[in-house]
Protein backbone atom coordinates (compact mmCIF):
# COMPACT_ATOMS: atom_id res chain seq x y z
CA MET A 1 -0.03 -0.10 0.10
CA ARG A 2 3.02 2.24 0.47
CA GLU A 3 6.15 3.00 -1.12
CA PRO A 4 9.05 1.42 1.12
CA ALA A 5 11.70 3.71 2.44
CA ASP A 6 14.82 3.43 0.29
CA GLY A 7 17.28 2.60 2.88
CA ALA A 8 15.50 4.60 5.67
CA GLY A 9 14.38 3.34 8.90
CA GLU A 10 13.37 -0.52 9.47
CA PRO A 11 12.08 -2.12 5.98
CA ARG A 12 10.69 -4.84 7.85
CA GLU A 13 8.91 -2.71 10.40
CA LEU A 14 7.60 -0.23 7.70
CA ALA A 15 6.33 -3.23 5.75
CA ALA A 16 4.41 -4.68 8.87
CA GLU A 17 2.81 -1.16 9.56
CA SER A 18 1.61 -1.08 5.67
CA LEU A 19 0.18 -4.59 5.84
CA ARG A 20 -1.43 -3.73 9.11
CA VAL A 21 -3.30 -0.50 7.60
CA GLY A 22 -4.16 -2.82 4.66
CA VAL A 23 -5.85 -5.21 6.48
CA LEU A 24 -7.66 -2.63 8.48
CA GLU A 25 -9.09 -1.27 5.41
CA LEU A 26 -9.97 -4.57 4.01
CA ALA A 27 -11.93 -5.31 7.17
CA ALA A 28 -13.57 -1.82 6.97
CA ALA A 29 -14.57 -2.82 3.30
CA LEU A 30 -15.92 -6.34 4.51
CA VAL A 31 -18.08 -4.49 7.06
CA ILE A 32 -19.54 -2.14 4.56
CA GLY A 33 -20.36 -4.98 2.52
CA VAL A 34 -22.48 -6.93 5.28
CA LEU A 35 -24.18 -3.78 6.30
CA LEU A 36 -25.32 -3.33 2.70
CA ALA A 37 -26.60 -6.74 2.64
CA ALA A 38 -28.57 -6.11 5.90
CA VAL A 39 -30.17 -2.95 4.41
CA GLY A 40 -30.62 -4.78 0.94
CA PRO A 41 -30.30 -0.85 -0.95
CA TYR A 42 -31.54 -0.49 -4.56
CA GLY A 43 -34.36 -2.81 -4.17
CA THR A 44 -31.99 -5.89 -3.48
CA PHE A 45 -33.84 -6.34 0.06
CA GLY A 46 -36.87 -7.81 -1.71
CA GLN A 47 -35.16 -9.64 -4.86
CA ALA A 48 -32.99 -12.05 -2.72
CA ALA A 49 -32.54 -13.50 1.09
CA LEU A 50 -30.20 -12.52 3.27
CA PRO A 51 -27.53 -15.13 2.14
CA GLU A 52 -27.70 -14.42 -1.41
CA ARG A 53 -27.51 -10.62 -0.46
CA LEU A 54 -24.54 -11.16 1.79
CA ILE A 55 -22.46 -12.82 -1.05
CA TYR A 56 -23.69 -10.34 -3.32
CA TRP A 57 -22.87 -7.12 -1.80
CA VAL A 58 -19.62 -8.44 -0.21
CA ALA A 59 -18.33 -9.45 -3.36
CA VAL A 60 -19.48 -6.24 -4.94
CA VAL A 61 -17.56 -4.01 -2.25
CA LEU A 62 -14.40 -6.25 -2.36
CA LEU A 63 -14.62 -5.92 -6.22
CA ALA A 64 -14.89 -2.00 -5.93
CA PHE A 65 -12.38 -2.14 -3.20
CA ALA A 66 -9.70 -3.64 -5.44
CA ILE A 67 -10.33 -1.25 -8.19
CA TYR A 68 -10.48 2.10 -6.18
CA ARG A 69 -8.02 1.73 -3.66
CA PRO A 70 -4.78 1.37 -5.85
CA SER A 71 -6.40 4.05 -8.30
CA CYS A 72 -6.73 6.58 -5.15
CA ALA A 73 -3.26 5.85 -4.30
CA LEU A 74 -2.06 6.80 -7.88
CA GLY A 75 -4.36 9.52 -7.76
CA ALA A 76 -3.08 11.08 -4.47
CA ARG A 77 0.40 10.90 -5.86
CA ALA A 78 -0.74 12.60 -9.17
CA ALA A 79 -2.31 15.58 -7.14
CA GLN A 80 0.59 15.95 -4.87
CA ALA A 81 2.87 16.11 -8.11
CA LEU A 82 0.66 18.85 -9.50
CA GLY A 83 0.72 20.62 -6.04
CA LEU A 84 -3.08 19.73 -5.13
CA PRO A 85 -4.23 17.98 -1.63
CA ALA A 86 -4.19 14.22 -1.77
CA GLY A 87 -7.74 14.04 -1.33
CA SER A 88 -8.24 15.59 -4.53
CA GLY A 89 -6.74 12.84 -6.06
CA TRP A 90 -9.09 10.38 -4.33
CA CYS A 91 -11.99 12.27 -5.32
CA ALA A 92 -10.70 12.31 -9.17
CA ALA A 93 -10.02 8.47 -9.03
CA VAL A 94 -13.22 7.57 -7.67
CA LEU A 95 -15.02 9.53 -10.35
CA ALA A 96 -13.27 8.28 -12.98
CA MET A 97 -12.88 4.49 -12.10
CA SER A 98 -16.60 4.29 -11.37
CA PHE A 99 -17.18 3.81 -15.03
CA PRO A 100 -15.60 0.37 -15.03
CA VAL A 101 -17.00 -0.31 -11.54
CA THR A 102 -20.19 0.51 -12.89
CA LEU A 103 -20.29 -1.84 -15.99
CA ALA A 104 -18.60 -4.64 -13.74
CA VAL A 105 -21.36 -4.38 -11.27
CA TRP A 106 -24.09 -4.51 -13.85
CA LEU A 107 -22.55 -7.56 -15.27
CA ALA A 108 -22.35 -9.08 -11.82
CA SER A 109 -26.08 -8.29 -11.32
CA TYR A 110 -27.07 -9.65 -14.75
CA ARG A 111 -29.85 -11.94 -12.94
CA HIS A 112 -31.74 -8.76 -11.76
CA THR A 113 -30.95 -6.51 -14.75
CA PRO A 114 -33.13 -6.34 -18.10
CA SER A 115 -30.29 -7.26 -20.33
CA LEU A 116 -26.72 -8.28 -20.18
CA TRP A 117 -25.39 -4.59 -21.78
CA PRO A 118 -26.88 -1.75 -20.22
CA SER A 119 -28.34 1.10 -22.77
CA LEU A 120 -26.63 4.45 -22.36
CA GLU A 121 -29.78 5.59 -19.93
CA GLU A 122 -29.59 2.21 -17.85
CA TYR A 123 -25.85 3.08 -17.70
CA VAL A 124 -25.87 6.31 -16.33
CA GLY A 125 -28.68 5.63 -13.99
CA PHE A 126 -26.57 2.83 -12.50
CA TYR A 127 -23.31 5.05 -12.64
CA GLY A 128 -25.29 7.19 -10.13
CA SER A 129 -25.71 4.22 -7.80
CA VAL A 130 -22.32 3.04 -7.78
CA ILE A 131 -20.68 6.28 -7.46
CA LEU A 132 -22.66 6.78 -4.32
CA ILE A 133 -21.69 3.46 -2.65
CA GLY A 134 -18.01 3.98 -3.97
CA ALA A 135 -17.75 7.54 -2.64
CA GLY A 136 -19.06 6.45 0.91
CA LEU A 137 -16.85 3.33 0.76
CA MET A 138 -13.78 5.19 0.21
CA LEU A 139 -14.43 7.83 2.31
CA VAL A 140 -14.32 5.25 5.20
CA ILE A 141 -11.45 3.77 3.97
CA TRP A 142 -9.79 7.43 3.67
CA LEU A 143 -10.77 7.77 7.52
CA VAL A 144 -9.28 4.38 8.38
CA ASN A 145 -6.05 5.17 6.55
CA ARG A 146 -5.74 8.60 8.26
CA ALA A 147 -6.76 7.27 11.79
CA PHE A 148 -4.43 4.19 11.59
CA ALA A 149 -1.61 4.71 9.40
CA PRO A 150 1.84 5.12 10.98
CA VAL A 151 2.65 8.67 11.82
CA PRO A 152 5.55 8.19 14.51
CA LYS A 153 7.72 10.64 16.17
CA LEU A 154 10.86 9.45 15.13
CA ALA A 155 11.99 7.91 11.85
CA GLY A 156 15.19 6.34 10.57
CA GLY A 157 17.20 6.92 13.70
CA PRO A 158 17.36 7.29 17.58
CA PRO A 159 15.77 10.08 19.22
CA PRO A 160 17.19 13.64 18.40
CA GLU A 161 18.48 14.05 21.96
CA ARG A 162 20.37 10.99 21.48
CA MET A 163 21.66 11.35 18.32
CA GLU A 164 25.07 12.20 18.02
CA LYS A 165 25.77 15.54 16.01
CA ALA A 166 26.72 15.03 12.27
CA PRO A 167 29.84 16.25 11.31
CA GLY A 168 30.10 20.17 11.43
CA ALA A 169 28.60 22.15 14.12
CA SER A 170 26.00 23.50 11.63
CA SER A 171 24.72 20.25 10.22
CA PRO A 172 21.08 19.82 10.44
CA ARG A 173 19.72 17.09 12.52
CA ILE A 174 17.77 15.46 9.81
CA MET A 175 21.19 14.45 8.22
CA ASN A 176 21.40 11.65 10.70
CA ARG A 177 18.52 10.13 9.64
CA LEU A 178 20.04 9.31 6.31
CA PRO A 179 22.10 6.48 4.59
CA PRO A 180 25.71 7.67 4.61
CA GLU A 181 25.97 7.67 0.95
CA LEU A 182 23.01 10.41 0.53
CA ARG A 183 24.47 12.80 3.54
CA GLY A 184 24.89 15.40 1.07
CA PRO A 185 23.53 19.00 1.03
CA VAL A 186 19.67 18.81 1.53
CA LEU A 187 17.86 20.57 -1.38
CA ALA A 188 14.24 19.92 -0.71
CA LEU A 189 11.51 17.79 1.34
CA GLN A 190 8.41 16.58 -0.03
CA MET A 191 5.65 14.93 1.74
CA GLU A 192 4.41 11.88 0.32
CA ASP A 193 1.31 10.63 2.34
CA HIS A 194 3.16 9.58 5.63
CA TYR A 195 6.33 9.97 4.61
CA VAL A 196 8.67 12.51 3.84
CA ARG A 197 11.32 12.21 0.82
CA VAL A 198 14.53 14.06 1.55
CA GLN A 199 16.15 15.16 -1.65
CA THR A 200 19.95 15.81 -1.46
CA GLU A 201 22.55 16.22 -3.96
CA ALA A 202 23.45 12.55 -3.69
CA GLY A 203 20.02 11.04 -4.38
CA SER A 204 16.60 10.84 -2.41
CA THR A 205 15.11 8.68 0.41
CA LEU A 206 12.06 8.31 2.32
CA LEU A 207 11.48 8.88 6.08
CA LEU A 208 8.52 7.75 8.00
CA MET A 209 7.85 11.03 9.62
CA ARG A 210 5.66 14.14 9.83
CA MET A 211 6.53 17.07 7.60
CA ARG A 212 6.66 19.53 10.30
CA ASP A 213 9.25 17.25 12.16
CA ALA A 214 11.35 16.97 9.06
CA VAL A 215 11.25 20.82 8.65
CA ALA A 216 12.15 21.62 12.23
CA GLU A 217 15.52 19.15 11.79
CA THR A 218 16.51 21.22 8.82
CA GLU A 219 17.72 23.84 11.22
CA PRO A 220 20.12 25.98 10.98
CA MET A 221 19.70 25.56 7.21
CA GLU A 222 17.97 28.81 5.58
CA GLY A 223 14.92 27.64 3.60
CA SER A 224 10.92 27.93 3.36
CA GLN A 225 8.11 25.73 3.26
CA VAL A 226 6.72 27.10 -0.01
CA HIS A 227 3.82 24.66 -0.23
CA ARG A 228 1.90 22.12 2.03
CA SER A 229 3.81 19.44 0.66
CA TRP A 230 7.22 20.94 0.17
CA TRP A 231 10.09 22.79 1.92
CA VAL A 232 12.93 23.88 -0.35
CA SER A 233 16.78 25.00 0.62
CA ARG A 234 17.60 28.62 -0.35
CA ALA A 235 21.06 27.16 -1.66
CA ALA A 236 19.28 25.08 -3.96
CA VAL A 237 17.14 27.58 -5.73
CA GLU A 238 18.39 28.25 -9.28
CA LYS A 239 15.54 30.41 -10.62
CA VAL A 240 11.62 30.86 -10.46
CA GLU A 241 9.38 29.81 -13.38
CA ARG A 242 5.92 31.36 -14.10
CA ASP A 243 2.94 29.91 -15.95
CA GLY A 244 0.28 32.71 -15.99
CA ARG A 245 -0.74 32.66 -11.98
CA ARG A 246 1.33 29.77 -11.12
CA ALA A 247 5.03 29.96 -10.20
CA SER A 248 7.29 27.35 -9.34
CA LEU A 249 10.98 26.96 -8.17
CA VAL A 250 13.48 25.19 -10.16
CA LEU A 251 16.06 23.63 -8.11
CA ARG A 252 19.78 23.25 -9.13
CA ASN A 253 18.96 19.34 -9.39
CA GLY A 254 16.44 20.13 -11.86
CA LEU A 255 13.61 19.57 -9.94
CA ARG A 256 10.49 21.65 -10.03
CA VAL A 257 8.80 22.73 -6.92
CA PRO A 258 5.16 24.50 -6.85
CA ILE A 259 4.74 27.80 -4.74
CA SER A 260 1.38 27.68 -3.26
CA ARG A 261 -0.83 30.80 -3.89
CA GLU A 262 -2.20 30.50 -0.14
CA ARG A 263 1.46 30.67 1.17
CA ARG A 264 2.82 33.21 -1.51
CA GLN A 265 2.15 36.16 0.88
CA ARG A 266 3.94 34.80 3.73
CA LEU A 267 7.19 33.69 1.98
CA PRO A 268 10.38 35.22 2.79
CA THR A 269 11.77 37.98 0.43
CA TRP A 270 14.51 35.64 -1.10
CA VAL A 271 11.45 33.79 -2.64
CA LEU A 272 9.51 36.68 -3.32
CA GLY A 273 12.32 38.70 -4.61
CA SER A 274 13.18 36.08 -7.14
CA ALA A 275 9.80 35.34 -8.10
CA GLU A 276 8.96 39.13 -8.65
CA GLY A 277 12.19 39.61 -10.77
CA ARG A 278 11.06 37.31 -13.17
């Protein structure tokens, strides 16, 4: 369900945590299937006895979960890459993937539908029903994910007060969390779900920690959180690019970092000055 840390933290522990969250999400989907079987929405209550409804609704919900869940994960990544909230990626994925789910559910319901293939009018009506169930299902899964996904205080190393200082008095504490081969100048931090991707001149790695904790551990480096999902080092900024009302920073490794319009008025002068100069 989650991208493993590239050499950061304990891979087995991260895999176990990801598996635990996946099992909880699947359990939530099963509970929803059982509840739908008991309620019997969309006329299914009068069409079949409870055992048949139970098989039908659990199968439908699991099918929808198998299609929606990975699509929502991809949608969240795409949204973050575009500088949008991850939730918008989930919503877009549910809207898009409800089209194939609608056809799959229609075929699974053939016994109680007028024909094997729906007409356009029947498909549109069925799509509305599917998207209501799908949106409710994925809302519950999203809440489970947010409630139980691991967000530990520490990642990739011992508590900060017990860490040995990185070489050099001015080295940021986050450097101690990185694999030795990646301990170069930190260029940027990128939030990826419950992880933070640390971009250095030597490469990048994922740390299982909160964004605000990672930003705090960049001190005494000079930088700014230019977006909800991005922090950049001042020394890494090469130029600013504008595309209409959008602006982004180009780092010296070629990475483009979006500047949030909501944060633009609160950014330090070294960002604003560069942006106004172009």
